[in-house]
Amino acid sequence: MKLLKKLAPMFLLLFLATNTWAQREIKIEGHDNLRFTVDTIKASPGEQLKITLKTVSNIDDKSMMAHNWVLLKKGTDGMNFITKGLQHEDNDFIDPALKGQVIAHTKMLSDGETDSIVFKVPEEKGTYEYVCTFRAHYQAGMKGHLIVE
């Protein structure tokens, strides 16, 4: 029992270190060409991912050009999600009624801004779409896929 009490702090540190260092970071940029620099991410079920998004743009006005990264639940209709979000500019073009279809998302970012999010990859294998919700970006091709295998 004394040995267990002495080892408990070491086990706690090991547990915390494992959970902190176990995440894999994916760096993505959003550009004026309305594409993510990474359009496919492969991950394992339950893996911890850190997505870091940076907007690189020649347009300084956030109301004219900005990007975010939104991972949708499997089976979500991306076009419907985007269309319903158009009325919610104050919420980064995400319809609050559809927040249950979002696994993770960054903030809406203008030129030079960066945001990171950490999330657990879904356990269910398959393909999950990620999108930029800014006006017309999805329709122009600013989307990608998280493939859980």
C-alpha atoms as a PDB file:
ATOM      1  CA  MET A   1       0.000   0.000   0.000  1.00  0.00           C
ATOM      2  CA  LYS A   2       2.880   2.382   0.809  1.00  0.00           C
ATOM      3  CA  LEU A   3       4.444   1.623  -2.553  1.00  0.00           C
ATOM      4  CA  LEU A   4       1.172   2.410  -4.315  1.00  0.00           C
ATOM      5  CA  LYS A   5       0.942   5.787  -2.524  1.00  0.00           C
ATOM      6  CA  LYS A   6       4.503   6.601  -3.575  1.00  0.00           C
ATOM      7  CA  LEU A   7       3.883   5.601  -7.168  1.00  0.00           C
ATOM      8  CA  ALA A   8       0.513   7.359  -7.522  1.00  0.00           C
ATOM      9  CA  PRO A   9       2.008  10.805  -8.365  1.00  0.00           C
ATOM     10  CA  MET A  10       4.241   9.210 -10.996  1.00  0.00           C
ATOM     11  CA  PHE A  11       1.267   7.425 -12.579  1.00  0.00           C
ATOM     12  CA  LEU A  12      -0.672  10.684 -12.590  1.00  0.00           C
ATOM     13  CA  LEU A  13       2.153  12.509 -14.363  1.00  0.00           C
ATOM     14  CA  LEU A  14       2.465   9.698 -16.883  1.00  0.00           C
ATOM     15  CA  PHE A  15      -1.291   9.798 -17.533  1.00  0.00           C
ATOM     16  CA  LEU A  16      -1.282  13.581 -18.029  1.00  0.00           C
ATOM     17  CA  ALA A  17       1.768  13.476 -20.267  1.00  0.00           C
ATOM     18  CA  THR A  18       0.281  10.738 -22.421  1.00  0.00           C
ATOM     19  CA  ASN A  19      -2.973  12.628 -22.888  1.00  0.00           C
ATOM     20  CA  THR A  20      -1.193  15.899 -23.655  1.00  0.00           C
ATOM     21  CA  TRP A  21       1.375  14.517 -26.067  1.00  0.00           C
ATOM     22  CA  ALA A  22      -0.893  11.991 -27.739  1.00  0.00           C
ATOM     23  CA  GLN A  23      -2.529  14.580 -29.972  1.00  0.00           C
ATOM     24  CA  ARG A  24      -1.429  15.024 -33.576  1.00  0.00           C
ATOM     25  CA  GLU A  25      -1.464  18.526 -35.034  1.00  0.00           C
ATOM     26  CA  ILE A  26      -2.699  19.269 -38.548  1.00  0.00           C
ATOM     27  CA  LYS A  27      -1.830  22.754 -39.816  1.00  0.00           C
ATOM     28  CA  ILE A  28      -4.187  24.130 -42.442  1.00  0.00           C
ATOM     29  CA  GLU A  29      -4.304  27.458 -44.232  1.00  0.00           C
ATOM     30  CA  GLY A  30      -7.254  29.104 -45.922  1.00  0.00           C
ATOM     31  CA  HIS A  31      -6.395  31.308 -48.908  1.00  0.00           C
ATOM     32  CA  ASP A  32      -8.113  33.680 -51.330  1.00  0.00           C
ATOM     33  CA  ASN A  33      -8.475  30.813 -53.846  1.00  0.00           C
ATOM     34  CA  LEU A  34     -11.200  29.417 -51.523  1.00  0.00           C
ATOM     35  CA  ARG A  35      -9.425  26.166 -50.786  1.00  0.00           C
ATOM     36  CA  PHE A  36      -7.956  24.607 -47.670  1.00  0.00           C
ATOM     37  CA  THR A  37      -4.296  23.645 -48.045  1.00  0.00           C
ATOM     38  CA  VAL A  38      -5.240  20.235 -46.612  1.00  0.00           C
ATOM     39  CA  ASP A  39      -8.327  18.661 -48.147  1.00  0.00           C
ATOM     40  CA  THR A  40      -7.979  15.136 -46.735  1.00  0.00           C
ATOM     41  CA  ILE A  41      -7.070  14.073 -43.209  1.00  0.00           C
ATOM     42  CA  LYS A  42      -6.754  10.409 -42.242  1.00  0.00           C
ATOM     43  CA  ALA A  43      -7.155   9.495 -38.589  1.00  0.00           C
ATOM     44  CA  SER A  44      -7.796   6.559 -36.292  1.00  0.00           C
ATOM     45  CA  PRO A  45     -11.011   6.162 -34.297  1.00  0.00           C
ATOM     46  CA  GLY A  46     -10.712   7.963 -30.958  1.00  0.00           C
ATOM     47  CA  GLU A  47      -7.452   9.701 -31.909  1.00  0.00           C
ATOM     48  CA  GLN A  48      -6.916  13.167 -30.515  1.00  0.00           C
ATOM     49  CA  LEU A  49      -6.358  15.787 -33.226  1.00  0.00           C
ATOM     50  CA  LYS A  50      -5.340  19.396 -33.008  1.00  0.00           C
ATOM     51  CA  ILE A  51      -6.401  21.473 -36.000  1.00  0.00           C
ATOM     52  CA  THR A  52      -4.627  24.796 -36.429  1.00  0.00           C
ATOM     53  CA  LEU A  53      -6.173  27.046 -39.062  1.00  0.00           C
ATOM     54  CA  LYS A  54      -4.529  30.205 -40.367  1.00  0.00           C
ATOM     55  CA  THR A  55      -6.104  32.592 -42.854  1.00  0.00           C
ATOM     56  CA  VAL A  56      -3.736  34.005 -45.465  1.00  0.00           C
ATOM     57  CA  SER A  57      -5.421  36.675 -47.571  1.00  0.00           C
ATOM     58  CA  ASN A  58      -4.766  39.847 -49.520  1.00  0.00           C
ATOM     59  CA  ILE A  59      -8.125  41.172 -48.304  1.00  0.00           C
ATOM     60  CA  ASP A  60      -7.978  42.794 -44.854  1.00  0.00           C
ATOM     61  CA  ASP A  61     -11.740  43.270 -44.465  1.00  0.00           C
ATOM     62  CA  LYS A  62     -13.206  40.350 -42.444  1.00  0.00           C
ATOM     63  CA  SER A  63     -16.658  41.033 -43.853  1.00  0.00           C
ATOM     64  CA  MET A  64     -15.287  40.377 -47.355  1.00  0.00           C
ATOM     65  CA  MET A  65     -12.896  37.448 -46.729  1.00  0.00           C
ATOM     66  CA  ALA A  66     -12.554  35.134 -43.766  1.00  0.00           C
ATOM     67  CA  HIS A  67     -12.302  31.402 -43.161  1.00  0.00           C
ATOM     68  CA  ASN A  68     -13.186  28.859 -40.515  1.00  0.00           C
ATOM     69  CA  TRP A  69     -12.928  25.068 -40.272  1.00  0.00           C
ATOM     70  CA  VAL A  70     -16.073  23.151 -39.288  1.00  0.00           C
ATOM     71  CA  LEU A  71     -16.128  19.354 -38.975  1.00  0.00           C
ATOM     72  CA  LEU A  72     -19.600  17.949 -39.554  1.00  0.00           C
ATOM     73  CA  LYS A  73     -21.056  14.751 -38.177  1.00  0.00           C
ATOM     74  CA  LYS A  74     -21.125  11.792 -40.532  1.00  0.00           C
ATOM     75  CA  GLY A  75     -24.081  11.945 -42.901  1.00  0.00           C
ATOM     76  CA  THR A  76     -24.686  15.699 -42.537  1.00  0.00           C
ATOM     77  CA  ASP A  77     -25.815  17.351 -45.774  1.00  0.00           C
ATOM     78  CA  GLY A  78     -23.097  19.976 -46.243  1.00  0.00           C
ATOM     79  CA  MET A  79     -25.052  22.119 -48.695  1.00  0.00           C
ATOM     80  CA  ASN A  80     -28.102  22.212 -46.418  1.00  0.00           C
ATOM     81  CA  PHE A  81     -25.879  23.057 -43.420  1.00  0.00           C
ATOM     82  CA  ILE A  82     -24.219  25.915 -45.333  1.00  0.00           C
ATOM     83  CA  THR A  83     -27.477  27.257 -46.765  1.00  0.00           C
ATOM     84  CA  LYS A  84     -29.175  27.424 -43.371  1.00  0.00           C
ATOM     85  CA  GLY A  85     -26.127  29.162 -41.913  1.00  0.00           C
ATOM     86  CA  LEU A  86     -26.250  32.064 -44.365  1.00  0.00           C
ATOM     87  CA  GLN A  87     -28.733  33.892 -42.125  1.00  0.00           C
ATOM     88  CA  HIS A  88     -26.411  33.644 -39.114  1.00  0.00           C
ATOM     89  CA  GLU A  89     -23.414  35.844 -39.918  1.00  0.00           C
ATOM     90  CA  ASP A  90     -23.252  36.826 -36.237  1.00  0.00           C
ATOM     91  CA  ASN A  91     -22.625  33.135 -35.420  1.00  0.00           C
ATOM     92  CA  ASP A  92     -19.895  32.551 -38.041  1.00  0.00           C
ATOM     93  CA  PHE A  93     -22.561  31.435 -40.533  1.00  0.00           C
ATOM     94  CA  ILE A  94     -23.516  28.435 -38.394  1.00  0.00           C
ATOM     95  CA  ASP A  95     -27.239  28.027 -37.717  1.00  0.00           C
ATOM     96  CA  PRO A  96     -27.565  27.551 -33.925  1.00  0.00           C
ATOM     97  CA  ALA A  97     -30.368  25.041 -34.589  1.00  0.00           C
ATOM     98  CA  LEU A  98     -27.805  22.837 -36.390  1.00  0.00           C
ATOM     99  CA  LYS A  99     -25.032  22.976 -33.783  1.00  0.00           C
ATOM    100  CA  GLY A 100     -25.743  19.314 -33.022  1.00  0.00           C
ATOM    101  CA  GLN A 101     -24.355  18.471 -36.470  1.00  0.00           C
ATOM    102  CA  VAL A 102     -20.950  19.969 -35.621  1.00  0.00           C
ATOM    103  CA  ILE A 103     -18.156  17.887 -34.088  1.00  0.00           C
ATOM    104  CA  ALA A 104     -15.606  20.714 -33.826  1.00  0.00           C
ATOM    105  CA  HIS A 105     -14.953  24.151 -35.315  1.00  0.00           C
ATOM    106  CA  THR A 106     -12.550  27.058 -35.261  1.00  0.00           C
ATOM    107  CA  LYS A 107     -13.452  30.723 -35.078  1.00  0.00           C
ATOM    108  CA  MET A 108     -13.964  32.750 -38.251  1.00  0.00           C
ATOM    109  CA  LEU A 109     -10.544  34.234 -39.054  1.00  0.00           C
ATOM    110  CA  SER A 110      -9.403  37.152 -41.188  1.00  0.00           C
ATOM    111  CA  ASP A 111      -5.954  37.634 -42.724  1.00  0.00           C
ATOM    112  CA  GLY A 112      -3.115  36.656 -40.410  1.00  0.00           C
ATOM    113  CA  GLU A 113      -5.344  35.227 -37.681  1.00  0.00           C
ATOM    114  CA  THR A 114      -4.883  31.700 -36.319  1.00  0.00           C
ATOM    115  CA  ASP A 115      -7.067  29.457 -34.184  1.00  0.00           C
ATOM    116  CA  SER A 116      -6.517  25.938 -32.862  1.00  0.00           C
ATOM    117  CA  ILE A 117      -8.980  23.348 -31.617  1.00  0.00           C
ATOM    118  CA  VAL A 118      -8.441  19.933 -30.070  1.00  0.00           C
ATOM    119  CA  PHE A 119     -11.029  17.195 -30.408  1.00  0.00           C
ATOM    120  CA  LYS A 120     -11.436  13.448 -30.265  1.00  0.00           C
ATOM    121  CA  VAL A 121     -11.938  11.779 -33.646  1.00  0.00           C
ATOM    122  CA  PRO A 122     -15.264   9.932 -33.811  1.00  0.00           C
ATOM    123  CA  GLU A 123     -15.149   6.209 -33.029  1.00  0.00           C
ATOM    124  CA  GLU A 124     -17.284   5.346 -36.052  1.00  0.00           C
ATOM    125  CA  LYS A 125     -15.192   4.683 -39.153  1.00  0.00           C
ATOM    126  CA  GLY A 126     -16.118   6.495 -42.327  1.00  0.00           C
ATOM    127  CA  THR A 127     -15.882   9.869 -44.035  1.00  0.00           C
ATOM    128  CA  TYR A 128     -16.716  13.149 -42.305  1.00  0.00           C
ATOM    129  CA  GLU A 129     -16.897  16.411 -44.253  1.00  0.00           C
ATOM    130  CA  TYR A 130     -15.273  19.618 -43.102  1.00  0.00           C
ATOM    131  CA  VAL A 131     -16.224  22.996 -44.515  1.00  0.00           C
ATOM    132  CA  CYS A 132     -15.687  26.735 -44.439  1.00  0.00           C
ATOM    133  CA  THR A 133     -19.027  28.378 -43.667  1.00  0.00           C
ATOM    134  CA  PHE A 134     -18.234  31.878 -45.011  1.00  0.00           C
ATOM    135  CA  ARG A 135     -20.594  33.011 -47.803  1.00  0.00           C
ATOM    136  CA  ALA A 136     -20.138  30.971 -51.019  1.00  0.00           C
ATOM    137  CA  HIS A 137     -16.842  29.365 -49.936  1.00  0.00           C
ATOM    138  CA  TYR A 138     -18.331  25.861 -49.695  1.00  0.00           C
ATOM    139  CA  GLN A 139     -19.926  26.206 -53.111  1.00  0.00           C
ATOM    140  CA  ALA A 140     -16.552  27.314 -54.529  1.00  0.00           C
ATOM    141  CA  GLY A 141     -14.893  24.164 -53.171  1.00  0.00           C
ATOM    142  CA  MET A 142     -13.629  25.097 -49.714  1.00  0.00           C
ATOM    143  CA  LYS A 143     -14.226  21.738 -48.089  1.00  0.00           C
ATOM    144  CA  GLY A 144     -12.438  18.512 -47.316  1.00  0.00           C
ATOM    145  CA  HIS A 145     -12.774  15.133 -45.652  1.00  0.00           C
ATOM    146  CA  LEU A 146     -11.687  13.518 -42.429  1.00  0.00           C
ATOM    147  CA  ILE A 147     -11.375   9.804 -43.145  1.00  0.00           C
ATOM    148  CA  VAL A 148     -11.593   7.646 -40.032  1.00  0.00           C
ATOM    149  CA  GLU A 149     -10.075   4.224 -40.676  1.00  0.00           C
END
